[in-house]
N, C-alpha and C. Protein backbone atom coordinates (compact mmCIF):
# COMPACT_ATOMS: atom_id res chain seq x y z
N UNK A 1 -134.81 -62.25 -10.13
CA UNK A 1 -133.82 -61.60 -9.30
C UNK A 1 -132.85 -60.76 -10.12
N UNK A 2 -132.14 -59.80 -9.73
CA UNK A 2 -131.18 -58.79 -10.43
C UNK A 2 -129.99 -59.24 -9.70
N UNK A 3 -128.80 -59.43 -10.36
CA UNK A 3 -127.83 -59.20 -9.80
C UNK A 3 -127.05 -58.35 -9.93
N UNK A 4 -126.74 -57.70 -8.51
CA UNK A 4 -126.32 -56.62 -8.32
C UNK A 4 -124.60 -56.38 -7.75
N UNK A 5 -124.23 -57.64 -7.98
CA UNK A 5 -122.68 -57.86 -7.74
C UNK A 5 -121.79 -57.24 -8.87
N UNK A 6 -120.58 -56.79 -8.60
CA UNK A 6 -119.65 -56.08 -9.23
C UNK A 6 -119.08 -57.35 -10.08
N UNK A 7 -119.33 -57.28 -11.34
CA UNK A 7 -118.62 -58.55 -12.60
C UNK A 7 -117.19 -58.37 -11.81
N UNK A 8 -116.67 -57.62 -11.37
CA UNK A 8 -115.11 -57.43 -11.49
C UNK A 8 -114.72 -58.49 -10.13
N UNK A 9 -115.49 -58.73 -9.37
CA UNK A 9 -114.90 -59.22 -8.08
C UNK A 9 -115.54 -60.60 -7.95
N UNK A 10 -116.18 -61.30 -8.95
CA UNK A 10 -116.68 -62.46 -9.21
C UNK A 10 -115.54 -63.36 -9.44
N UNK A 11 -115.65 -64.57 -8.64
CA UNK A 11 -114.93 -65.55 -8.88
C UNK A 11 -114.71 -65.50 -10.44
N UNK A 12 -113.24 -66.20 -10.73
CA UNK A 12 -113.03 -66.07 -12.24
C UNK A 12 -113.83 -67.39 -12.57
N UNK A 13 -113.89 -67.17 -14.12
CA UNK A 13 -114.55 -68.04 -14.84
C UNK A 13 -113.28 -69.00 -15.60
N UNK A 14 -113.57 -69.79 -16.23
CA UNK A 14 -112.69 -70.84 -16.99
C UNK A 14 -111.91 -69.88 -18.03
N UNK A 15 -110.94 -69.56 -17.94
CA UNK A 15 -110.44 -68.58 -18.94
C UNK A 15 -110.24 -67.24 -18.57
N UNK A 16 -110.83 -66.94 -17.65
CA UNK A 16 -111.12 -65.38 -17.38
C UNK A 16 -110.12 -65.09 -16.22
N UNK A 17 -109.33 -63.97 -16.16
CA UNK A 17 -108.55 -63.30 -14.94
C UNK A 17 -109.20 -62.65 -14.28
N UNK A 18 -109.39 -62.82 -12.96
CA UNK A 18 -109.70 -61.59 -11.95
C UNK A 18 -108.27 -61.10 -11.06
N UNK A 19 -108.46 -59.58 -11.81
CA UNK A 19 -107.31 -58.77 -11.04
C UNK A 19 -107.87 -57.29 -10.09
N UNK A 20 -107.25 -57.04 -9.41
CA UNK A 20 -107.60 -55.95 -8.64
C UNK A 20 -108.35 -54.62 -9.62
N UNK A 21 -108.93 -53.82 -9.07
CA UNK A 21 -109.91 -52.83 -9.74
C UNK A 21 -108.78 -52.58 -10.85
N UNK A 22 -107.70 -51.77 -10.16
CA UNK A 22 -106.60 -51.10 -11.62
C UNK A 22 -106.40 -51.71 -12.38
N UNK A 23 -106.05 -52.89 -12.31
CA UNK A 23 -105.76 -53.66 -13.81
C UNK A 23 -106.95 -54.55 -14.10
N UNK A 24 -108.01 -54.21 -14.21
CA UNK A 24 -109.20 -55.16 -14.30
C UNK A 24 -109.13 -55.52 -15.68
N UNK A 25 -109.58 -56.27 -16.02
CA UNK A 25 -110.26 -56.28 -17.42
C UNK A 25 -111.40 -56.29 -17.79
N UNK A 26 -111.95 -55.48 -18.88
CA UNK A 26 -113.08 -54.99 -19.07
C UNK A 26 -113.54 -55.69 -20.57
N UNK A 27 -114.10 -57.18 -20.09
CA UNK A 27 -114.51 -57.49 -21.36
C UNK A 27 -113.25 -58.36 -21.52
N UNK A 28 -113.37 -59.10 -22.91
CA UNK A 28 -112.27 -59.91 -23.16
C UNK A 28 -111.38 -59.24 -23.81
N UNK A 29 -109.97 -59.17 -23.32
CA UNK A 29 -108.77 -58.43 -24.09
C UNK A 29 -108.62 -56.96 -23.62
N UNK A 30 -109.67 -56.29 -23.25
CA UNK A 30 -109.48 -54.92 -22.75
C UNK A 30 -108.72 -54.74 -21.24
N UNK A 31 -107.37 -54.14 -21.54
CA UNK A 31 -107.00 -53.60 -20.21
C UNK A 31 -106.82 -52.53 -20.03
N UNK A 32 -107.04 -51.96 -18.95
CA UNK A 32 -106.76 -50.87 -18.23
C UNK A 32 -105.48 -50.31 -17.54
N UNK A 33 -104.70 -49.68 -17.69
CA UNK A 33 -103.06 -49.73 -17.15
C UNK A 33 -103.22 -48.10 -16.65
N UNK A 34 -102.95 -48.22 -15.17
CA UNK A 34 -103.17 -46.95 -14.79
C UNK A 34 -101.88 -45.87 -14.91
N UNK A 35 -102.33 -44.77 -14.96
CA UNK A 35 -101.46 -43.56 -15.46
C UNK A 35 -100.71 -42.99 -14.35
N UNK A 36 -98.86 -43.30 -14.48
CA UNK A 36 -98.60 -43.15 -13.20
C UNK A 36 -98.34 -41.75 -13.14
N UNK A 37 -98.48 -40.63 -13.83
CA UNK A 37 -98.31 -39.34 -13.56
C UNK A 37 -99.62 -38.46 -13.18
N UNK A 38 -100.53 -39.71 -12.99
CA UNK A 38 -102.08 -39.11 -12.39
C UNK A 38 -102.73 -39.67 -13.31
N UNK A 39 -103.91 -39.86 -12.91
CA UNK A 39 -105.25 -40.27 -14.35
C UNK A 39 -106.02 -39.22 -14.50
N UNK A 40 -106.71 -39.51 -14.73
CA UNK A 40 -107.85 -38.38 -15.51
C UNK A 40 -108.74 -37.90 -14.05
N UNK A 41 -109.00 -37.97 -13.49
CA UNK A 41 -109.95 -37.77 -12.22
C UNK A 41 -108.97 -36.45 -11.58
N UNK A 42 -108.30 -35.73 -12.05
CA UNK A 42 -107.44 -34.43 -11.52
C UNK A 42 -106.56 -34.54 -10.70
N UNK A 43 -105.63 -35.63 -10.78
CA UNK A 43 -104.29 -35.83 -9.83
C UNK A 43 -103.36 -35.35 -11.04
N UNK A 44 -102.43 -34.92 -10.21
CA UNK A 44 -101.52 -34.12 -11.15
C UNK A 44 -100.11 -34.20 -11.07
N UNK A 45 -98.46 -34.21 -11.45
CA UNK A 45 -97.63 -34.30 -10.98
C UNK A 45 -97.20 -32.98 -10.13
N UNK A 46 -95.82 -32.74 -9.96
CA UNK A 46 -95.27 -31.35 -9.31
C UNK A 46 -95.83 -30.12 -10.00
N UNK A 47 -96.02 -29.08 -9.41
CA UNK A 47 -96.40 -27.85 -9.75
C UNK A 47 -94.94 -27.09 -10.06
N UNK A 48 -95.12 -26.11 -11.07
CA UNK A 48 -94.16 -25.29 -11.55
C UNK A 48 -93.61 -24.52 -10.04
N UNK A 49 -94.31 -24.08 -9.03
CA UNK A 49 -93.90 -23.72 -7.89
C UNK A 49 -92.94 -24.40 -7.07
N UNK A 50 -93.63 -25.82 -7.07
CA UNK A 50 -92.94 -26.81 -6.06
C UNK A 50 -91.55 -27.21 -7.02
N UNK A 51 -91.29 -27.31 -7.94
CA UNK A 51 -90.03 -27.21 -8.79
C UNK A 51 -88.97 -26.47 -8.52
N UNK A 52 -89.68 -24.99 -8.65
CA UNK A 52 -88.83 -23.84 -8.51
C UNK A 52 -88.32 -24.03 -7.15
N UNK A 53 -89.18 -24.02 -5.94
CA UNK A 53 -88.89 -24.04 -4.55
C UNK A 53 -87.85 -25.18 -4.52
N UNK A 54 -87.86 -26.29 -4.74
CA UNK A 54 -86.84 -27.67 -4.75
C UNK A 54 -85.54 -27.16 -5.14
N UNK A 55 -85.35 -26.75 -6.47
CA UNK A 55 -84.20 -26.21 -7.52
C UNK A 55 -83.56 -25.07 -6.42
N UNK A 56 -84.37 -24.16 -5.70
CA UNK A 56 -83.81 -23.11 -4.88
C UNK A 56 -83.03 -23.48 -3.66
N UNK A 57 -83.93 -24.83 -2.88
CA UNK A 57 -83.13 -25.57 -1.62
C UNK A 57 -81.79 -26.20 -2.30
N UNK A 58 -81.80 -26.76 -3.47
CA UNK A 58 -80.71 -27.61 -3.87
C UNK A 58 -79.46 -26.37 -4.04
N UNK A 59 -79.86 -25.43 -4.86
CA UNK A 59 -78.99 -24.57 -5.18
C UNK A 59 -78.34 -23.55 -3.87
N UNK A 60 -79.04 -23.75 -2.70
CA UNK A 60 -78.82 -23.44 -1.43
C UNK A 60 -77.35 -23.97 -0.74
N UNK A 61 -78.34 -25.27 -0.91
CA UNK A 61 -77.07 -26.26 -0.03
C UNK A 61 -75.93 -26.32 -1.09
N UNK A 62 -75.98 -26.46 -2.69
CA UNK A 62 -74.87 -26.32 -3.33
C UNK A 62 -73.74 -25.27 -2.88
N UNK A 63 -74.46 -23.99 -3.07
CA UNK A 63 -73.58 -23.01 -2.57
C UNK A 63 -72.84 -23.14 -1.29
N UNK A 64 -73.59 -23.36 -0.29
CA UNK A 64 -73.07 -23.72 1.17
C UNK A 64 -71.83 -24.93 0.81
N UNK A 65 -71.98 -26.02 0.15
CA UNK A 65 -70.90 -26.83 -0.03
C UNK A 65 -69.98 -26.36 -0.63
N UNK A 66 -70.07 -25.64 -1.57
CA UNK A 66 -68.89 -24.98 -2.45
C UNK A 66 -68.11 -23.76 -1.59
N UNK A 67 -68.88 -23.17 -0.72
CA UNK A 67 -68.07 -22.26 0.22
C UNK A 67 -66.98 -22.95 1.16
N UNK A 68 -67.43 -24.05 1.31
CA UNK A 68 -66.23 -25.06 2.37
C UNK A 68 -64.93 -25.26 1.89
N UNK A 69 -65.43 -25.58 0.24
CA UNK A 69 -64.03 -26.36 -0.31
C UNK A 69 -62.94 -25.52 -0.14
N UNK A 70 -62.53 -24.19 -0.27
CA UNK A 70 -61.11 -23.50 -0.19
C UNK A 70 -60.99 -23.45 1.34
N UNK A 71 -61.42 -23.54 2.38
CA UNK A 71 -61.27 -23.87 3.42
C UNK A 71 -60.56 -25.21 3.84
N UNK A 72 -61.31 -25.92 3.22
CA UNK A 72 -60.60 -27.56 3.39
C UNK A 72 -59.36 -27.66 2.84
N UNK A 73 -59.16 -27.21 1.63
CA UNK A 73 -57.77 -27.15 0.76
C UNK A 73 -56.74 -26.48 1.59
N UNK A 74 -57.14 -25.48 1.98
CA UNK A 74 -55.99 -24.70 2.89
C UNK A 74 -55.69 -25.33 3.86
N UNK A 75 -56.98 -26.11 4.50
CA UNK A 75 -56.40 -26.82 5.87
C UNK A 75 -55.45 -27.93 5.64
N UNK A 76 -55.82 -28.77 4.33
CA UNK A 76 -55.04 -30.05 3.82
C UNK A 76 -53.89 -29.47 3.80
N UNK A 77 -53.57 -28.56 2.72
CA UNK A 77 -51.98 -27.61 2.49
C UNK A 77 -51.24 -27.31 3.91
N UNK A 78 -51.90 -26.70 4.60
CA UNK A 78 -51.18 -26.53 5.97
C UNK A 78 -50.75 -27.64 6.81
N UNK A 79 -51.54 -28.65 6.76
CA UNK A 79 -51.41 -30.36 7.55
C UNK A 79 -50.36 -30.86 6.75
N UNK A 80 -50.13 -30.39 5.25
CA UNK A 80 -49.12 -31.52 4.66
C UNK A 80 -47.63 -30.74 4.87
N UNK A 81 -47.88 -29.41 5.12
CA UNK A 81 -46.67 -28.76 4.86
C UNK A 81 -45.89 -28.87 6.65
N UNK A 82 -46.79 -29.01 7.53
CA UNK A 82 -46.45 -29.43 9.01
C UNK A 82 -45.70 -30.72 8.77
N UNK A 83 -46.37 -31.54 8.17
CA UNK A 83 -46.03 -33.13 8.37
C UNK A 83 -44.75 -32.88 7.55
N UNK A 84 -44.44 -32.45 6.48
CA UNK A 84 -42.74 -32.31 6.13
C UNK A 84 -42.12 -32.09 6.78
N UNK A 85 -42.33 -30.79 7.38
CA UNK A 85 -41.71 -29.69 8.38
C UNK A 85 -41.29 -30.74 9.41
N UNK A 86 -42.19 -31.59 10.09
CA UNK A 86 -41.61 -32.09 11.26
C UNK A 86 -40.94 -33.44 10.77
N UNK A 87 -41.15 -33.95 9.64
CA UNK A 87 -40.17 -34.96 8.87
C UNK A 87 -38.52 -34.37 8.77
N UNK A 88 -38.65 -33.29 8.14
CA UNK A 88 -37.07 -32.77 7.79
C UNK A 88 -36.51 -32.66 9.59
N UNK A 89 -37.53 -32.20 10.62
CA UNK A 89 -36.76 -32.17 11.69
C UNK A 89 -36.10 -33.06 12.51
N UNK A 90 -36.98 -34.03 12.08
CA UNK A 90 -36.61 -35.43 12.52
C UNK A 90 -35.17 -36.19 12.22
N UNK A 91 -35.24 -35.47 10.52
CA UNK A 91 -33.88 -35.78 10.02
C UNK A 91 -32.46 -35.29 10.73
N UNK A 92 -32.98 -33.89 11.09
CA UNK A 92 -32.02 -33.08 11.95
C UNK A 92 -31.57 -34.08 13.29
N UNK A 93 -32.76 -34.35 13.93
CA UNK A 93 -32.40 -35.19 15.06
C UNK A 93 -31.64 -36.48 14.88
N UNK A 94 -31.79 -36.96 13.44
CA UNK A 94 -31.01 -38.29 13.32
C UNK A 94 -29.77 -37.88 13.15
N UNK A 95 -29.57 -36.92 12.62
CA UNK A 95 -28.26 -36.26 12.43
C UNK A 95 -27.47 -36.06 13.47
N UNK A 96 -28.06 -35.56 14.53
CA UNK A 96 -27.34 -35.30 16.06
C UNK A 96 -26.82 -36.97 16.62
N UNK A 97 -27.67 -37.61 16.45
CA UNK A 97 -27.50 -39.17 16.77
C UNK A 97 -26.22 -39.57 15.98
N UNK A 98 -26.03 -39.41 14.76
CA UNK A 98 -25.15 -39.92 14.27
C UNK A 98 -23.56 -39.02 14.45
N UNK A 99 -23.50 -38.15 14.32
CA UNK A 99 -22.35 -37.62 14.33
C UNK A 99 -22.22 -36.76 15.61
N UNK A 100 -23.14 -36.70 16.54
CA UNK A 100 -22.78 -36.34 17.76
C UNK A 100 -22.98 -35.11 17.89
N UNK A 101 -23.47 -34.46 19.27
CA UNK A 101 -23.79 -32.93 19.40
C UNK A 101 -22.70 -32.24 19.45
N UNK A 102 -21.41 -32.40 19.43
CA UNK A 102 -20.39 -31.73 19.54
C UNK A 102 -20.15 -31.30 18.17
N UNK A 103 -20.10 -32.29 17.33
CA UNK A 103 -19.55 -31.85 15.94
C UNK A 103 -20.84 -30.90 15.52
N UNK A 104 -21.89 -31.34 15.75
CA UNK A 104 -23.29 -30.88 15.11
C UNK A 104 -23.16 -29.30 15.42
N UNK A 105 -22.96 -28.93 16.79
CA UNK A 105 -22.90 -27.66 17.46
C UNK A 105 -22.09 -26.78 16.85
N UNK A 106 -20.69 -27.16 16.52
CA UNK A 106 -19.66 -26.56 16.04
C UNK A 106 -19.85 -26.37 14.39
N UNK A 107 -20.52 -27.01 13.69
CA UNK A 107 -21.16 -26.85 12.44
C UNK A 107 -21.06 -25.31 12.22
N UNK A 108 -20.44 -24.95 11.21
CA UNK A 108 -20.35 -23.41 10.95
C UNK A 108 -21.78 -22.71 9.91
N UNK A 109 -22.26 -23.44 9.06
CA UNK A 109 -23.05 -23.22 8.29
C UNK A 109 -24.68 -23.14 8.91
N UNK A 110 -24.83 -24.16 10.20
CA UNK A 110 -26.28 -24.46 10.52
C UNK A 110 -27.38 -24.14 9.83
N UNK A 111 -26.95 -24.98 8.31
CA UNK A 111 -27.96 -24.51 7.76
C UNK A 111 -28.07 -26.27 6.86
N UNK A 112 -29.36 -26.91 6.63
CA UNK A 112 -29.39 -28.05 5.70
C UNK A 112 -30.52 -27.92 4.64
N UNK A 113 -30.18 -27.85 3.29
CA UNK A 113 -31.00 -27.62 2.39
C UNK A 113 -31.63 -29.46 1.85
N UNK A 114 -33.00 -29.16 1.46
CA UNK A 114 -33.43 -30.42 1.27
C UNK A 114 -34.42 -30.01 -0.36
N UNK A 115 -34.53 -31.10 -1.10
CA UNK A 115 -35.07 -30.94 -2.33
C UNK A 115 -36.86 -31.12 -2.01
N UNK A 116 -37.77 -31.34 -2.61
CA UNK A 116 -38.94 -31.53 -2.72
C UNK A 116 -39.28 -32.90 -2.21
N UNK A 117 -38.21 -33.74 -2.35
CA UNK A 117 -38.51 -35.23 -1.85
C UNK A 117 -37.99 -35.61 -0.49
N UNK A 118 -37.33 -34.93 0.14
CA UNK A 118 -36.93 -34.41 1.27
C UNK A 118 -35.55 -35.19 1.31
N UNK A 119 -34.67 -34.94 0.16
CA UNK A 119 -33.41 -35.60 0.01
C UNK A 119 -32.52 -34.31 0.35
N UNK A 120 -31.40 -34.74 1.34
CA UNK A 120 -30.37 -33.82 1.25
C UNK A 120 -29.69 -32.96 0.14
N UNK A 121 -29.36 -31.91 0.24
CA UNK A 121 -28.35 -31.34 -0.86
C UNK A 121 -27.24 -30.65 -0.51
N UNK A 122 -26.08 -30.67 -1.35
CA UNK A 122 -25.31 -29.90 -0.68
C UNK A 122 -25.04 -28.40 -0.69
N UNK A 123 -26.11 -27.67 -1.38
CA UNK A 123 -26.29 -26.39 -1.43
C UNK A 123 -27.65 -26.15 -1.80
N UNK A 124 -27.87 -25.04 -2.01
CA UNK A 124 -29.03 -24.58 -1.84
C UNK A 124 -29.61 -24.45 -3.65
N UNK A 125 -28.96 -24.87 -4.28
CA UNK A 125 -29.20 -25.26 -5.78
C UNK A 125 -30.19 -26.11 -6.10
N UNK A 126 -31.56 -25.82 -6.05
CA UNK A 126 -32.74 -27.04 -6.39
C UNK A 126 -33.29 -27.36 -4.99
N UNK A 127 -32.80 -26.19 -3.80
CA UNK A 127 -33.48 -26.89 -3.10
C UNK A 127 -35.27 -26.28 -2.85
N UNK A 128 -35.86 -26.70 -2.19
CA UNK A 128 -37.26 -26.52 -1.54
C UNK A 128 -37.52 -26.11 -0.04
N UNK A 129 -36.71 -26.49 0.72
CA UNK A 129 -36.69 -26.49 2.22
C UNK A 129 -35.41 -26.18 2.60
N UNK A 130 -34.99 -25.07 3.04
CA UNK A 130 -34.09 -24.84 4.23
C UNK A 130 -34.38 -24.95 5.49
N UNK A 131 -33.36 -26.00 6.35
CA UNK A 131 -33.40 -26.12 7.78
C UNK A 131 -32.56 -25.38 8.39
N UNK A 132 -32.90 -24.64 9.11
CA UNK A 132 -31.82 -23.91 10.27
C UNK A 132 -31.87 -24.36 11.57
N UNK A 133 -30.82 -24.29 11.87
CA UNK A 133 -30.89 -24.95 13.56
C UNK A 133 -29.83 -24.22 14.40
N UNK A 134 -30.15 -24.13 15.52
CA UNK A 134 -29.37 -23.41 16.62
C UNK A 134 -29.07 -24.42 17.95
N UNK A 135 -28.25 -23.98 18.83
CA UNK A 135 -27.83 -24.98 20.11
C UNK A 135 -28.23 -23.98 21.03
N UNK A 136 -28.44 -24.18 22.31
CA UNK A 136 -28.83 -23.31 23.51
C UNK A 136 -28.16 -24.07 24.69
N UNK A 137 -27.30 -23.63 25.68
CA UNK A 137 -27.15 -24.32 26.89
C UNK A 137 -28.23 -24.39 27.79
N UNK A 138 -28.99 -25.11 28.50
CA UNK A 138 -29.99 -25.40 29.32
C UNK A 138 -29.34 -25.83 30.70
N UNK A 139 -30.22 -25.34 31.68
CA UNK A 139 -30.02 -26.03 33.11
C UNK A 139 -30.98 -26.19 33.81
N UNK A 140 -31.10 -27.15 34.61
CA UNK A 140 -32.38 -27.33 35.48
C UNK A 140 -31.87 -26.37 36.78
N UNK A 141 -32.95 -25.91 37.31
CA UNK A 141 -32.84 -25.06 38.49
C UNK A 141 -32.12 -25.52 39.32
N UNK A 142 -31.19 -24.79 39.78
CA UNK A 142 -30.51 -25.26 40.96
C UNK A 142 -29.18 -26.13 40.54
N UNK A 143 -28.87 -26.61 39.28
CA UNK A 143 -27.77 -26.98 38.79
C UNK A 143 -26.88 -25.99 38.09
N UNK A 144 -25.58 -26.29 38.77
CA UNK A 144 -24.25 -25.20 38.78
C UNK A 144 -24.38 -24.93 37.11
N UNK A 145 -24.00 -25.90 36.20
CA UNK A 145 -23.50 -25.82 34.83
C UNK A 145 -24.80 -26.02 33.85
N UNK A 146 -24.67 -26.39 32.48
CA UNK A 146 -25.71 -26.79 31.81
C UNK A 146 -25.62 -28.31 31.80
N UNK A 147 -26.91 -28.28 31.81
CA UNK A 147 -27.30 -30.00 32.00
C UNK A 147 -27.84 -30.69 30.83
N UNK A 148 -28.05 -29.78 29.96
CA UNK A 148 -28.55 -30.26 28.69
C UNK A 148 -28.76 -29.29 27.59
N UNK A 149 -28.96 -29.57 26.51
CA UNK A 149 -28.60 -28.51 25.16
C UNK A 149 -30.29 -28.75 24.59
N UNK A 150 -30.87 -27.42 24.58
CA UNK A 150 -31.90 -27.18 23.54
C UNK A 150 -31.59 -27.16 22.07
N UNK A 151 -31.93 -27.70 21.36
CA UNK A 151 -31.93 -27.75 20.00
C UNK A 151 -32.97 -27.08 19.39
N UNK A 152 -32.99 -26.21 18.48
CA UNK A 152 -34.12 -25.34 17.83
C UNK A 152 -33.95 -25.54 16.23
N UNK A 153 -34.77 -25.82 15.57
CA UNK A 153 -34.98 -26.45 14.26
C UNK A 153 -36.02 -25.48 13.37
N UNK A 154 -35.91 -24.52 12.69
CA UNK A 154 -36.50 -24.18 11.83
C UNK A 154 -36.73 -24.54 10.68
N UNK A 155 -37.95 -24.85 10.01
CA UNK A 155 -38.11 -25.41 8.51
C UNK A 155 -38.52 -24.32 7.78
N UNK A 156 -37.70 -23.91 6.62
CA UNK A 156 -38.45 -22.97 6.03
C UNK A 156 -39.03 -23.40 4.46
N UNK A 157 -39.94 -23.08 4.12
CA UNK A 157 -40.09 -23.35 2.42
C UNK A 157 -39.80 -22.17 1.98
N UNK A 158 -38.69 -22.58 1.06
CA UNK A 158 -38.06 -21.25 0.51
C UNK A 158 -37.43 -21.70 -0.93
N UNK A 159 -38.23 -22.06 -2.01
CA UNK A 159 -38.01 -22.25 -3.38
C UNK A 159 -37.10 -21.14 -3.97
N UNK A 160 -37.42 -19.92 -3.56
CA UNK A 160 -36.44 -19.02 -4.23
C UNK A 160 -35.19 -18.57 -3.67
N UNK A 161 -34.72 -19.31 -2.75
CA UNK A 161 -33.29 -19.15 -2.47
C UNK A 161 -32.73 -17.87 -1.46
N UNK A 162 -33.81 -17.52 -0.72
CA UNK A 162 -33.85 -16.24 0.02
C UNK A 162 -32.78 -16.50 1.10
N UNK A 163 -31.91 -15.35 1.43
CA UNK A 163 -31.42 -15.26 2.76
C UNK A 163 -31.94 -14.53 3.70
N UNK A 164 -31.98 -15.02 4.96
CA UNK A 164 -32.87 -14.57 5.78
C UNK A 164 -31.63 -14.10 7.37
N UNK A 165 -32.13 -12.92 7.79
CA UNK A 165 -31.11 -12.43 8.60
C UNK A 165 -31.47 -13.39 9.93
N UNK A 166 -30.17 -13.38 10.84
CA UNK A 166 -30.08 -14.05 12.37
C UNK A 166 -30.51 -12.79 13.24
N UNK A 167 -31.42 -13.33 14.15
CA UNK A 167 -31.79 -12.43 15.40
C UNK A 167 -30.76 -12.87 16.32
N UNK A 168 -29.89 -11.74 16.97
CA UNK A 168 -29.02 -11.96 17.66
C UNK A 168 -29.39 -12.20 18.88
N UNK A 169 -30.65 -11.90 19.40
CA UNK A 169 -30.87 -12.57 20.78
C UNK A 169 -31.33 -14.05 20.89
N UNK A 170 -32.20 -14.25 19.75
CA UNK A 170 -32.68 -15.95 19.92
C UNK A 170 -31.53 -16.70 19.15
N UNK A 171 -30.79 -16.22 17.93
CA UNK A 171 -29.93 -17.33 17.08
C UNK A 171 -31.01 -17.92 16.02
N UNK A 172 -32.10 -17.68 16.12
CA UNK A 172 -33.14 -18.05 14.80
C UNK A 172 -33.05 -16.95 13.58
N UNK A 173 -33.53 -17.48 12.32
CA UNK A 173 -33.87 -16.33 11.58
C UNK A 173 -35.00 -15.82 11.56
N UNK A 174 -34.92 -14.53 11.11
CA UNK A 174 -36.18 -13.79 10.99
C UNK A 174 -36.87 -14.10 9.55
N UNK A 175 -37.91 -14.54 9.56
CA UNK A 175 -38.58 -14.91 8.45
C UNK A 175 -39.61 -13.83 8.36
N UNK A 176 -39.81 -13.68 7.23
CA UNK A 176 -41.01 -12.33 6.94
C UNK A 176 -42.46 -13.22 6.92
N UNK A 177 -43.39 -12.53 7.12
CA UNK A 177 -44.52 -12.97 6.87
C UNK A 177 -45.03 -13.53 5.43
N UNK A 178 -45.66 -14.40 5.35
CA UNK A 178 -46.02 -14.85 4.07
C UNK A 178 -45.22 -16.02 3.51
N UNK A 179 -44.21 -16.50 4.04
CA UNK A 179 -43.25 -17.28 3.96
C UNK A 179 -43.88 -18.75 4.92
N UNK A 180 -43.77 -19.79 4.13
CA UNK A 180 -44.40 -20.95 5.03
C UNK A 180 -43.28 -21.22 6.01
N UNK A 181 -43.37 -21.35 7.22
CA UNK A 181 -42.01 -21.44 8.32
C UNK A 181 -42.75 -22.50 9.45
N UNK A 182 -42.03 -23.39 10.11
CA UNK A 182 -42.08 -24.14 11.39
C UNK A 182 -40.93 -24.28 11.98
N UNK A 183 -41.29 -24.23 13.30
CA UNK A 183 -40.02 -24.42 14.28
C UNK A 183 -40.58 -25.33 15.36
N UNK A 184 -39.63 -26.27 15.66
CA UNK A 184 -39.42 -27.28 16.38
C UNK A 184 -38.37 -27.42 17.45
N UNK A 185 -38.46 -27.58 18.80
CA UNK A 185 -37.75 -27.60 19.70
C UNK A 185 -37.47 -28.87 20.43
N UNK A 186 -36.07 -29.55 20.71
CA UNK A 186 -36.07 -30.83 21.48
C UNK A 186 -34.72 -30.64 22.34
N UNK A 187 -34.91 -31.41 23.38
CA UNK A 187 -33.57 -31.44 24.17
C UNK A 187 -32.45 -32.89 23.84
N UNK A 188 -31.49 -32.56 24.31
CA UNK A 188 -30.35 -33.37 24.32
C UNK A 188 -29.65 -33.67 25.42
N UNK A 189 -29.02 -34.62 25.84
CA UNK A 189 -28.28 -34.61 27.05
C UNK A 189 -26.82 -34.81 26.59
N UNK A 190 -26.19 -33.75 27.00
CA UNK A 190 -24.61 -33.63 26.31
C UNK A 190 -23.71 -35.04 26.47
């Protein structure tokens, strides 16, 4: 009788090892290791066209991401400037609470200068931010006299120390375009 069974699938004999077909021993000591890039039966890796298409898709995605970066940086800068301006306007509000609205409203300069760290300076030498303020009388409908005051605070990033004209109708500074300026309002009871 002829043995037609595969010798690789036979039960192991003493001293022999049985492995699946890809790692089979052919005789004693011969090992067949599979080729990871494909074996000799016609399997292959990526073609040049596939690699080129993949690189094109990655380049398209990288260009799209790089296009978003300047917009994000500009938004972060605007947000930072708004945060600083709000903090400086809060300083003015604290000043009103400390000195009282009467002495605050009669201050002739109506300007406070701050350095880049938010410290108050005595003049505009070394100032990064100028804070202009004005006070208006306001009244509730039907009230005969002014029942509260509206304080308007303009925070201008002005490291060059420019002077800006005052608008006669609003009492605010006329700030040219291109200069970073934020305006805040709050109401105070007299």
